[in-house]
């Protein structure tokens, strides 16, 4: 895989929000870049498609568990490892 999960997560979030990827860091909190529940659901769907995994969490659970960009990337990375 040439693109890291974190890089792809940043790319997808940049596309959804219009924020320059240079301004999206691993520690960036979703609330600070105005990611709302619908946006988060779309980001999760895009990551599922990109990495061929199923992220099994409803939006409420996602909001509780995914606070930063790194949290999202870590969740996807764990699912990829589990699939292998």
Protein backbone atom coordinates (compact mmCIF):
# COMPACT_ATOMS: atom_id res chain seq x y z
CA UNK A 1 0.00 0.00 0.00
CA UNK A 2 1.69 3.17 -1.14
CA UNK A 3 -0.56 5.65 0.65
CA UNK A 4 -0.66 5.35 4.43
CA UNK A 5 -3.99 5.16 6.22
CA UNK A 6 -3.25 8.48 7.91
CA UNK A 7 -2.40 10.17 4.59
CA UNK A 8 -5.58 8.85 2.97
CA UNK A 9 -7.65 9.90 5.98
CA UNK A 10 -6.24 13.42 5.72
CA UNK A 11 -6.89 13.45 1.97
CA UNK A 12 -10.53 12.39 2.39
CA UNK A 13 -11.14 14.90 5.18
CA UNK A 14 -9.53 17.64 3.10
CA UNK A 15 -11.86 16.83 0.20
CA UNK A 16 -14.93 16.88 2.48
CA UNK A 17 -14.05 20.08 4.32
CA UNK A 18 -12.09 22.08 1.76
CA UNK A 19 -9.27 22.49 4.29
CA UNK A 20 -5.73 22.33 2.93
CA UNK A 21 -4.22 18.94 3.86
CA UNK A 22 -1.16 20.77 5.22
CA UNK A 23 -3.45 22.18 7.93
CA UNK A 24 -4.80 18.77 8.99
CA UNK A 25 -2.49 17.10 11.51
CA UNK A 26 -2.86 13.74 13.29
CA UNK A 27 -3.74 15.52 16.53
CA UNK A 28 -6.34 17.76 14.85
CA UNK A 29 -9.65 17.35 16.65
CA UNK A 30 -12.65 16.70 14.42
CA UNK A 31 -14.67 19.32 16.28
CA UNK A 32 -12.03 21.97 15.53
CA UNK A 33 -12.48 21.52 11.77
CA UNK A 34 -16.26 21.43 12.00
CA UNK A 35 -16.73 17.75 11.14
CA UNK A 36 -20.36 16.97 11.89
CA UNK A 37 -22.02 13.56 12.19
CA UNK A 38 -23.05 13.38 8.52
CA UNK A 39 -19.53 14.35 7.45
CA UNK A 40 -18.06 11.69 9.74
CA UNK A 41 -20.38 9.05 8.29
CA UNK A 42 -19.30 9.99 4.75
CA UNK A 43 -15.63 9.90 5.75
CA UNK A 44 -16.11 6.46 7.30
CA UNK A 45 -17.84 5.20 4.12
CA UNK A 46 -15.01 6.56 1.97
CA UNK A 47 -12.39 4.87 4.16
CA UNK A 48 -14.31 1.59 4.05
CA UNK A 49 -14.31 1.75 0.25
CA UNK A 50 -10.66 2.77 0.03
CA UNK A 51 -9.32 0.04 2.33
CA UNK A 52 -11.98 -2.62 1.79
CA UNK A 53 -12.89 -2.87 5.48
CA UNK A 54 -16.11 -2.51 7.43
CA UNK A 55 -16.06 0.00 10.23
CA UNK A 56 -18.71 -1.35 12.55
CA UNK A 57 -19.86 1.60 14.59
CA UNK A 58 -22.89 3.78 14.55
CA UNK A 59 -22.50 7.54 14.51
CA UNK A 60 -22.99 7.92 18.26
CA UNK A 61 -20.24 5.40 18.97
CA UNK A 62 -18.02 7.02 16.37
CA UNK A 63 -18.39 10.41 18.04
CA UNK A 64 -17.43 8.90 21.39
CA UNK A 65 -14.39 7.02 20.04
CA UNK A 66 -13.10 9.19 17.21
CA UNK A 67 -11.95 12.58 18.46
CA UNK A 68 -8.88 13.21 16.28
CA UNK A 69 -7.62 12.44 12.79
CA UNK A 70 -5.20 9.94 14.35
CA UNK A 71 -8.09 8.15 16.09
CA UNK A 72 -9.73 7.53 12.71
CA UNK A 73 -6.48 6.33 11.13
CA UNK A 74 -5.76 4.03 14.09
CA UNK A 75 -9.22 2.46 13.87
CA UNK A 76 -8.85 1.77 10.15
CA UNK A 77 -5.29 0.45 10.58
CA UNK A 78 -6.50 -1.98 13.29
CA UNK A 79 -9.27 -3.23 11.00
CA UNK A 80 -6.84 -3.75 8.11
CA UNK A 81 -4.52 -5.76 10.39
CA UNK A 82 -7.47 -7.82 11.65
CA UNK A 83 -8.54 -8.64 8.05
CA UNK A 84 -5.14 -10.11 7.19
